[in-house]
Amino acid sequence: MKHEERIKLVNDYAKRLLSKHGDDLIYFGVGGSTYWKKEREDSDIDGFIVTSSKKYWPSSNWPDYIFKDIAISIGYYTLEELDNIIKEPKYRWPYRVYRTMHNLPIYQKYDLVSRYKKIISEIDTQKFIDAATDELIVAMSCIGKINYNAVNSSLGALRSSIMILQEFTDMVVALLNKAMLGSGFSIENIEFIAKYQKIPKGYVELSKTMWGSNNIEELHSASNQLLENTISFAEENGVCIPKYESVTDLPV
């Protein structure tokens, strides 16, 4: 299905949504490859619906459909739920907010993107620091697996563990910039991060090495260095990870 056909499909669908949801519908947009105009013939369509209530919601909160062999995924939110997601930086916040902010509006009662940019600008910086702290602790927990896979010369397993590491270091960097990221771990995220106001030393170059190299020693070195630089960057930006030397000091 070509881009023009996809746009016609979602416009026709928007008319049906309006006839059913009426005043309850606040926003309907499409994201993903359709938004970026990078879809293939068989690419799915990612829909995004915001309503004032759950009056007309389907039984599934995130239903999937097949239309002419094309998968259609639609996320439903109430405006209140979306407000809460935006206002509270938590696990995967950079990804969840990205989906909200990067949509092609097919129907909108008012400009949600401008609304949420304003909300984000008013969030207390400490909330972003707290969320980044949680993500950094998870990132640090990945290094043992990375070292193990490097020692055992397992390239496939090493790549998998490196991807997990970078997913979390990417979130740390995004949160400390009050910024967002594309869905999942991708080379496009590196391009996003390169435009941030603040990034760890060598982050883009090390990330590209982790993406492009097939040398286990090089991958091992780059991933350890990326984590080390991310920790330093996080500490410079207010993150303080609690460290204890005795079990009696651990909080219970």
C-alpha atoms as a PDB file:
ATOM      1  CA  MET A   1       0.000   0.000   0.000  1.00  0.00           C
ATOM      2  CA  LYS A   2       1.477   3.340  -1.087  1.00  0.00           C
ATOM      3  CA  HIS A   3       1.672   6.460   1.075  1.00  0.00           C
ATOM      4  CA  GLU A   4      -1.209   8.217  -0.697  1.00  0.00           C
ATOM      5  CA  GLU A   5      -3.431   5.153  -0.223  1.00  0.00           C
ATOM      6  CA  ARG A   6      -2.575   5.066   3.480  1.00  0.00           C
ATOM      7  CA  ILE A   7      -3.477   8.734   3.911  1.00  0.00           C
ATOM      8  CA  LYS A   8      -6.806   8.201   2.137  1.00  0.00           C
ATOM      9  CA  LEU A   9      -7.495   5.167   4.347  1.00  0.00           C
ATOM     10  CA  VAL A  10      -6.852   7.056   7.601  1.00  0.00           C
ATOM     11  CA  ASN A  11      -8.849  10.073   6.412  1.00  0.00           C
ATOM     12  CA  ASP A  12     -11.813   7.826   5.644  1.00  0.00           C
ATOM     13  CA  TYR A  13     -11.355   6.160   9.014  1.00  0.00           C
ATOM     14  CA  ALA A  14     -11.308   9.563  10.723  1.00  0.00           C
ATOM     15  CA  LYS A  15     -14.731  10.329   9.259  1.00  0.00           C
ATOM     16  CA  ARG A  16     -16.062   7.067  10.699  1.00  0.00           C
ATOM     17  CA  LEU A  17     -14.489   7.835  14.074  1.00  0.00           C
ATOM     18  CA  LEU A  18     -16.151  11.244  14.152  1.00  0.00           C
ATOM     19  CA  SER A  19     -19.529   9.779  13.278  1.00  0.00           C
ATOM     20  CA  LYS A  20     -19.228   7.285  16.152  1.00  0.00           C
ATOM     21  CA  HIS A  21     -17.305   9.217  18.815  1.00  0.00           C
ATOM     22  CA  GLY A  22     -18.732  12.641  18.102  1.00  0.00           C
ATOM     23  CA  ASP A  23     -17.692  15.202  20.701  1.00  0.00           C
ATOM     24  CA  ASP A  24     -15.774  12.500  22.600  1.00  0.00           C
ATOM     25  CA  LEU A  25     -12.985  12.400  19.991  1.00  0.00           C
ATOM     26  CA  ILE A  26     -10.169  14.835  20.670  1.00  0.00           C
ATOM     27  CA  TYR A  27      -7.415  13.591  18.385  1.00  0.00           C
ATOM     28  CA  PHE A  28      -6.667  10.979  15.731  1.00  0.00           C
ATOM     29  CA  GLY A  29      -3.240  10.746  14.128  1.00  0.00           C
ATOM     30  CA  VAL A  30      -0.815   8.291  12.548  1.00  0.00           C
ATOM     31  CA  GLY A  31       2.806   7.782  13.492  1.00  0.00           C
ATOM     32  CA  GLY A  32       5.641   5.424  12.635  1.00  0.00           C
ATOM     33  CA  SER A  33       6.724   4.958   9.034  1.00  0.00           C
ATOM     34  CA  THR A  34       3.585   6.663   7.680  1.00  0.00           C
ATOM     35  CA  TYR A  35       4.430   9.827   9.624  1.00  0.00           C
ATOM     36  CA  TRP A  36       8.017   9.792   8.317  1.00  0.00           C
ATOM     37  CA  LYS A  37       6.945   8.757   4.772  1.00  0.00           C
ATOM     38  CA  LYS A  38       9.314   5.803   4.997  1.00  0.00           C
ATOM     39  CA  GLU A  39       6.789   3.011   4.752  1.00  0.00           C
ATOM     40  CA  ARG A  40       7.200  -0.108   2.613  1.00  0.00           C
ATOM     41  CA  GLU A  41       4.348  -1.761   0.737  1.00  0.00           C
ATOM     42  CA  ASP A  42       3.748  -4.094   3.700  1.00  0.00           C
ATOM     43  CA  SER A  43       4.484  -1.661   6.570  1.00  0.00           C
ATOM     44  CA  ASP A  44       1.900  -1.488   9.318  1.00  0.00           C
ATOM     45  CA  ILE A  45      -0.096   1.633  10.180  1.00  0.00           C
ATOM     46  CA  ASP A  46       0.232   3.055  13.701  1.00  0.00           C
ATOM     47  CA  GLY A  47      -2.866   4.962  14.775  1.00  0.00           C
ATOM     48  CA  PHE A  48      -3.173   7.161  17.855  1.00  0.00           C
ATOM     49  CA  ILE A  49      -6.557   8.133  19.319  1.00  0.00           C
ATOM     50  CA  VAL A  50      -7.281  10.501  22.213  1.00  0.00           C
ATOM     51  CA  THR A  51     -10.768  10.767  23.687  1.00  0.00           C
ATOM     52  CA  SER A  52     -12.332  12.613  26.594  1.00  0.00           C
ATOM     53  CA  SER A  53     -13.717   9.361  28.072  1.00  0.00           C
ATOM     54  CA  LYS A  54     -13.693   5.591  27.532  1.00  0.00           C
ATOM     55  CA  LYS A  55     -17.289   5.549  26.370  1.00  0.00           C
ATOM     56  CA  TYR A  56     -16.606   4.138  22.901  1.00  0.00           C
ATOM     57  CA  TRP A  57     -13.393   2.244  23.540  1.00  0.00           C
ATOM     58  CA  PRO A  58     -12.944  -1.292  22.172  1.00  0.00           C
ATOM     59  CA  SER A  59     -12.356  -4.157  24.611  1.00  0.00           C
ATOM     60  CA  SER A  60      -8.630  -4.094  23.896  1.00  0.00           C
ATOM     61  CA  ASN A  61      -6.733  -0.984  24.955  1.00  0.00           C
ATOM     62  CA  TRP A  62      -4.401  -1.378  21.976  1.00  0.00           C
ATOM     63  CA  PRO A  63      -6.311  -3.292  19.266  1.00  0.00           C
ATOM     64  CA  ASP A  64      -4.713  -4.697  16.123  1.00  0.00           C
ATOM     65  CA  TYR A  65      -6.518  -5.176  12.851  1.00  0.00           C
ATOM     66  CA  ILE A  66      -5.666  -6.504   9.398  1.00  0.00           C
ATOM     67  CA  PHE A  67      -6.892  -4.445   6.449  1.00  0.00           C
ATOM     68  CA  LYS A  68      -5.992  -5.701   2.959  1.00  0.00           C
ATOM     69  CA  ASP A  69      -3.053  -7.613   4.492  1.00  0.00           C
ATOM     70  CA  ILE A  70      -1.799  -4.481   6.293  1.00  0.00           C
ATOM     71  CA  ALA A  71      -1.597  -4.544  10.085  1.00  0.00           C
ATOM     72  CA  ILE A  72      -3.256  -1.574  11.777  1.00  0.00           C
ATOM     73  CA  SER A  73      -2.418  -0.874  15.423  1.00  0.00           C
ATOM     74  CA  ILE A  74      -4.401   1.774  17.285  1.00  0.00           C
ATOM     75  CA  GLY A  75      -3.525   3.125  20.705  1.00  0.00           C
ATOM     76  CA  TYR A  76      -6.386   4.593  22.713  1.00  0.00           C
ATOM     77  CA  TYR A  77      -5.865   7.147  25.494  1.00  0.00           C
ATOM     78  CA  THR A  78      -8.070   9.504  27.394  1.00  0.00           C
ATOM     79  CA  LEU A  79      -6.758  13.054  27.626  1.00  0.00           C
ATOM     80  CA  GLU A  80      -6.335  12.575  31.390  1.00  0.00           C
ATOM     81  CA  GLU A  81      -4.235   9.426  30.906  1.00  0.00           C
ATOM     82  CA  LEU A  82      -2.052  11.143  28.340  1.00  0.00           C
ATOM     83  CA  ASP A  83      -1.600  14.170  30.593  1.00  0.00           C
ATOM     84  CA  ASN A  84      -0.388  11.858  33.376  1.00  0.00           C
ATOM     85  CA  ILE A  85       2.081  10.093  31.055  1.00  0.00           C
ATOM     86  CA  ILE A  86       3.539  13.409  29.922  1.00  0.00           C
ATOM     87  CA  LYS A  87       3.708  14.963  33.395  1.00  0.00           C
ATOM     88  CA  GLU A  88       5.426  12.024  35.119  1.00  0.00           C
ATOM     89  CA  PRO A  89       8.818  11.051  33.660  1.00  0.00           C
ATOM     90  CA  LYS A  90       9.101   7.352  34.453  1.00  0.00           C
ATOM     91  CA  TYR A  91      10.217   4.113  32.797  1.00  0.00           C
ATOM     92  CA  ARG A  92      10.402   4.486  28.984  1.00  0.00           C
ATOM     93  CA  TRP A  93       9.087   8.060  29.176  1.00  0.00           C
ATOM     94  CA  PRO A  94      11.276   9.208  26.235  1.00  0.00           C
ATOM     95  CA  TYR A  95       9.725   6.528  23.998  1.00  0.00           C
ATOM     96  CA  ARG A  96       6.141   6.999  25.137  1.00  0.00           C
ATOM     97  CA  VAL A  97       6.288  10.767  24.721  1.00  0.00           C
ATOM     98  CA  TYR A  98       7.901  10.398  21.296  1.00  0.00           C
ATOM     99  CA  ARG A  99       4.808   8.521  20.107  1.00  0.00           C
ATOM    100  CA  THR A 100       2.617  11.330  21.380  1.00  0.00           C
ATOM    101  CA  MET A 101       4.635  14.128  19.826  1.00  0.00           C
ATOM    102  CA  HIS A 102       5.404  12.571  16.442  1.00  0.00           C
ATOM    103  CA  ASN A 103       2.054  12.001  14.782  1.00  0.00           C
ATOM    104  CA  LEU A 104       0.500  13.262  11.605  1.00  0.00           C
ATOM    105  CA  PRO A 105      -2.815  14.768  12.781  1.00  0.00           C
ATOM    106  CA  ILE A 106      -5.728  13.490  10.720  1.00  0.00           C
ATOM    107  CA  TYR A 107      -8.266  15.055  13.067  1.00  0.00           C
ATOM    108  CA  GLN A 108      -7.640  17.236  16.102  1.00  0.00           C
ATOM    109  CA  LYS A 109      -9.991  19.281  18.207  1.00  0.00           C
ATOM    110  CA  TYR A 110      -6.963  21.368  19.238  1.00  0.00           C
ATOM    111  CA  ASP A 111      -3.168  21.290  18.952  1.00  0.00           C
ATOM    112  CA  LEU A 112      -1.995  18.561  21.343  1.00  0.00           C
ATOM    113  CA  VAL A 113       1.693  18.913  20.437  1.00  0.00           C
ATOM    114  CA  SER A 114       1.830  22.556  21.520  1.00  0.00           C
ATOM    115  CA  ARG A 115      -0.067  21.642  24.677  1.00  0.00           C
ATOM    116  CA  TYR A 116       2.444  18.953  25.617  1.00  0.00           C
ATOM    117  CA  LYS A 117       5.535  20.965  24.743  1.00  0.00           C
ATOM    118  CA  LYS A 118       4.341  23.516  27.281  1.00  0.00           C
ATOM    119  CA  ILE A 119       3.678  20.827  29.909  1.00  0.00           C
ATOM    120  CA  ILE A 120       7.153  19.313  29.411  1.00  0.00           C
ATOM    121  CA  SER A 121       8.816  22.707  29.773  1.00  0.00           C
ATOM    122  CA  GLU A 122       7.128  23.127  33.181  1.00  0.00           C
ATOM    123  CA  ILE A 123       8.074  19.725  34.685  1.00  0.00           C
ATOM    124  CA  ASP A 124      10.404  19.926  37.686  1.00  0.00           C
ATOM    125  CA  THR A 125      13.947  18.995  36.594  1.00  0.00           C
ATOM    126  CA  GLN A 126      14.328  16.732  39.632  1.00  0.00           C
ATOM    127  CA  LYS A 127      11.699  14.378  38.195  1.00  0.00           C
ATOM    128  CA  PHE A 128      13.863  13.860  35.134  1.00  0.00           C
ATOM    129  CA  ILE A 129      16.930  13.307  37.312  1.00  0.00           C
ATOM    130  CA  ASP A 130      15.095  10.694  39.403  1.00  0.00           C
ATOM    131  CA  ALA A 131      13.912   8.848  36.290  1.00  0.00           C
ATOM    132  CA  ALA A 132      17.411   8.969  34.778  1.00  0.00           C
ATOM    133  CA  THR A 133      18.818   7.511  37.988  1.00  0.00           C
ATOM    134  CA  ASP A 134      16.522   4.489  37.713  1.00  0.00           C
ATOM    135  CA  GLU A 135      17.463   3.916  34.056  1.00  0.00           C
ATOM    136  CA  LEU A 136      21.191   4.288  34.785  1.00  0.00           C
ATOM    137  CA  ILE A 137      21.067   1.607  37.479  1.00  0.00           C
ATOM    138  CA  VAL A 138      19.531  -0.791  34.951  1.00  0.00           C
ATOM    139  CA  ALA A 139      22.179   0.161  32.369  1.00  0.00           C
ATOM    140  CA  MET A 140      24.943  -0.573  34.891  1.00  0.00           C
ATOM    141  CA  SER A 141      23.455  -4.008  35.530  1.00  0.00           C
ATOM    142  CA  CYS A 142      23.987  -4.902  31.839  1.00  0.00           C
ATOM    143  CA  ILE A 143      27.753  -4.690  31.908  1.00  0.00           C
ATOM    144  CA  GLY A 144      28.273  -8.054  33.605  1.00  0.00           C
ATOM    145  CA  LYS A 145      26.464  -9.837  30.765  1.00  0.00           C
ATOM    146  CA  ILE A 146      28.410  -7.849  28.187  1.00  0.00           C
ATOM    147  CA  ASN A 147      31.745  -8.789  29.792  1.00  0.00           C
ATOM    148  CA  TYR A 148      30.702 -12.448  30.033  1.00  0.00           C
ATOM    149  CA  ASN A 149      29.681 -12.628  26.370  1.00  0.00           C
ATOM    150  CA  ALA A 150      32.881 -10.881  25.264  1.00  0.00           C
ATOM    151  CA  VAL A 151      35.085 -13.303  27.230  1.00  0.00           C
ATOM    152  CA  ASN A 152      33.182 -16.248  25.730  1.00  0.00           C
ATOM    153  CA  SER A 153      33.500 -14.805  22.202  1.00  0.00           C
ATOM    154  CA  SER A 154      29.763 -14.920  21.555  1.00  0.00           C
ATOM    155  CA  LEU A 155      29.162 -12.164  18.984  1.00  0.00           C
ATOM    156  CA  GLY A 156      25.380 -12.646  18.736  1.00  0.00           C
ATOM    157  CA  ALA A 157      24.860 -12.672  22.503  1.00  0.00           C
ATOM    158  CA  LEU A 158      27.236  -9.722  22.899  1.00  0.00           C
ATOM    159  CA  ARG A 159      25.270  -7.676  20.384  1.00  0.00           C
ATOM    160  CA  SER A 160      21.999  -8.483  22.166  1.00  0.00           C
ATOM    161  CA  SER A 161      23.352  -7.408  25.557  1.00  0.00           C
ATOM    162  CA  ILE A 162      24.864  -4.248  24.048  1.00  0.00           C
ATOM    163  CA  MET A 163      21.495  -3.311  22.543  1.00  0.00           C
ATOM    164  CA  ILE A 164      19.883  -3.575  25.971  1.00  0.00           C
ATOM    165  CA  LEU A 165      22.650  -1.462  27.493  1.00  0.00           C
ATOM    166  CA  GLN A 166      22.261   1.282  24.920  1.00  0.00           C
ATOM    167  CA  GLU A 167      18.497   1.316  25.154  1.00  0.00           C
ATOM    168  CA  PHE A 168      18.866   2.339  28.796  1.00  0.00           C
ATOM    169  CA  THR A 169      21.821   4.720  28.330  1.00  0.00           C
ATOM    170  CA  ASP A 170      19.846   6.394  25.534  1.00  0.00           C
ATOM    171  CA  MET A 171      16.972   6.899  27.977  1.00  0.00           C
ATOM    172  CA  VAL A 172      19.343   8.368  30.567  1.00  0.00           C
ATOM    173  CA  VAL A 173      20.655  10.895  28.063  1.00  0.00           C
ATOM    174  CA  ALA A 174      17.167  11.709  26.768  1.00  0.00           C
ATOM    175  CA  LEU A 175      15.741  12.227  30.255  1.00  0.00           C
ATOM    176  CA  LEU A 176      18.572  14.551  31.255  1.00  0.00           C
ATOM    177  CA  ASN A 177      17.760  16.599  28.151  1.00  0.00           C
ATOM    178  CA  LYS A 178      13.998  16.484  28.828  1.00  0.00           C
ATOM    179  CA  ALA A 179      13.865  14.950  25.368  1.00  0.00           C
ATOM    180  CA  MET A 180      12.273  12.003  23.575  1.00  0.00           C
ATOM    181  CA  LEU A 181      13.373   9.010  21.494  1.00  0.00           C
ATOM    182  CA  GLY A 182      12.037   6.944  18.636  1.00  0.00           C
ATOM    183  CA  SER A 183      10.524   3.562  19.452  1.00  0.00           C
ATOM    184  CA  GLY A 184      13.072   0.907  20.353  1.00  0.00           C
ATOM    185  CA  PHE A 185      16.793   0.829  19.738  1.00  0.00           C
ATOM    186  CA  SER A 186      17.710   2.217  16.332  1.00  0.00           C
ATOM    187  CA  ILE A 187      20.366   4.136  14.452  1.00  0.00           C
ATOM    188  CA  GLU A 188      17.840   6.999  14.138  1.00  0.00           C
ATOM    189  CA  ASN A 189      18.039   7.472  17.905  1.00  0.00           C
ATOM    190  CA  ILE A 190      21.736   8.275  17.574  1.00  0.00           C
ATOM    191  CA  GLU A 191      20.828  11.039  15.108  1.00  0.00           C
ATOM    192  CA  PHE A 192      18.281  12.378  17.633  1.00  0.00           C
ATOM    193  CA  ILE A 193      20.797  12.294  20.460  1.00  0.00           C
ATOM    194  CA  ALA A 194      23.440  14.073  18.392  1.00  0.00           C
ATOM    195  CA  LYS A 195      21.113  17.110  18.370  1.00  0.00           C
ATOM    196  CA  TYR A 196      20.607  17.212  22.146  1.00  0.00           C
ATOM    197  CA  GLN A 197      21.994  20.132  24.098  1.00  0.00           C
ATOM    198  CA  LYS A 198      23.952  17.834  26.417  1.00  0.00           C
ATOM    199  CA  ILE A 199      25.478  14.432  25.576  1.00  0.00           C
ATOM    200  CA  PRO A 200      28.178  12.253  27.166  1.00  0.00           C
ATOM    201  CA  LYS A 201      31.718  12.459  25.808  1.00  0.00           C
ATOM    202  CA  GLY A 202      32.075  10.474  22.585  1.00  0.00           C
ATOM    203  CA  TYR A 203      28.532   9.134  22.802  1.00  0.00           C
ATOM    204  CA  VAL A 204      27.666   9.333  19.111  1.00  0.00           C
ATOM    205  CA  GLU A 205      30.988   7.890  17.928  1.00  0.00           C
ATOM    206  CA  LEU A 206      30.902   5.037  20.458  1.00  0.00           C
ATOM    207  CA  SER A 207      27.288   4.276  19.550  1.00  0.00           C
ATOM    208  CA  LYS A 208      28.162   4.049  15.860  1.00  0.00           C
ATOM    209  CA  THR A 209      30.991   1.663  16.688  1.00  0.00           C
ATOM    210  CA  MET A 210      28.585  -0.498  18.679  1.00  0.00           C
ATOM    211  CA  TRP A 211      26.251  -0.526  15.680  1.00  0.00           C
ATOM    212  CA  GLY A 212      28.802  -1.059  12.940  1.00  0.00           C
ATOM    213  CA  SER A 213      31.609  -3.231  14.269  1.00  0.00           C
ATOM    214  CA  ASN A 214      31.810  -7.033  14.117  1.00  0.00           C
ATOM    215  CA  ASN A 215      34.966  -7.148  16.205  1.00  0.00           C
ATOM    216  CA  ILE A 216      34.251  -8.540  19.684  1.00  0.00           C
ATOM    217  CA  GLU A 217      37.144  -6.710  21.337  1.00  0.00           C
ATOM    218  CA  GLU A 218      36.113  -3.417  19.738  1.00  0.00           C
ATOM    219  CA  LEU A 219      32.464  -3.882  20.725  1.00  0.00           C
ATOM    220  CA  HIS A 220      33.450  -4.805  24.273  1.00  0.00           C
ATOM    221  CA  SER A 221      35.693  -1.766  24.652  1.00  0.00           C
ATOM    222  CA  ALA A 222      33.160   0.662  23.121  1.00  0.00           C
ATOM    223  CA  SER A 223      30.269  -0.527  25.305  1.00  0.00           C
ATOM    224  CA  ASN A 224      32.291  -0.273  28.517  1.00  0.00           C
ATOM    225  CA  GLN A 225      33.524   3.192  27.543  1.00  0.00           C
ATOM    226  CA  LEU A 226      30.010   4.342  26.621  1.00  0.00           C
ATOM    227  CA  LEU A 227      28.683   3.279  30.014  1.00  0.00           C
ATOM    228  CA  GLU A 228      31.591   4.908  31.834  1.00  0.00           C
ATOM    229  CA  ASN A 229      31.054   8.176  29.948  1.00  0.00           C
ATOM    230  CA  THR A 230      27.295   8.044  30.551  1.00  0.00           C
ATOM    231  CA  ILE A 231      27.829   7.583  34.303  1.00  0.00           C
ATOM    232  CA  SER A 232      30.159  10.604  34.383  1.00  0.00           C
ATOM    233  CA  PHE A 233      27.695  12.646  32.338  1.00  0.00           C
ATOM    234  CA  ALA A 234      24.795  11.666  34.599  1.00  0.00           C
ATOM    235  CA  GLU A 235      26.718  12.582  37.752  1.00  0.00           C
ATOM    236  CA  GLU A 236      27.604  15.965  36.240  1.00  0.00           C
ATOM    237  CA  ASN A 237      23.884  16.538  35.664  1.00  0.00           C
ATOM    238  CA  GLY A 238      22.646  15.782  39.158  1.00  0.00           C
ATOM    239  CA  VAL A 239      22.282  11.982  39.222  1.00  0.00           C
ATOM    240  CA  CYS A 240      23.495  10.440  42.461  1.00  0.00           C
ATOM    241  CA  ILE A 241      23.280   6.647  42.709  1.00  0.00           C
ATOM    242  CA  PRO A 242      23.123   5.403  46.312  1.00  0.00           C
ATOM    243  CA  LYS A 243      26.157   3.204  47.057  1.00  0.00           C
ATOM    244  CA  TYR A 244      26.621   1.079  50.187  1.00  0.00           C
ATOM    245  CA  GLU A 245      29.621  -0.776  51.605  1.00  0.00           C
ATOM    246  CA  SER A 246      27.842  -2.739  54.315  1.00  0.00           C
ATOM    247  CA  VAL A 247      24.610  -4.743  54.225  1.00  0.00           C
ATOM    248  CA  THR A 248      23.605  -3.009  57.459  1.00  0.00           C
ATOM    249  CA  ASP A 249      23.464   0.263  55.517  1.00  0.00           C
ATOM    250  CA  LEU A 250      21.026  -1.050  52.917  1.00  0.00           C
ATOM    251  CA  PRO A 251      17.502   0.368  53.206  1.00  0.00           C
ATOM    252  CA  VAL A 252      14.891  -2.148  54.333  1.00  0.00           C
END
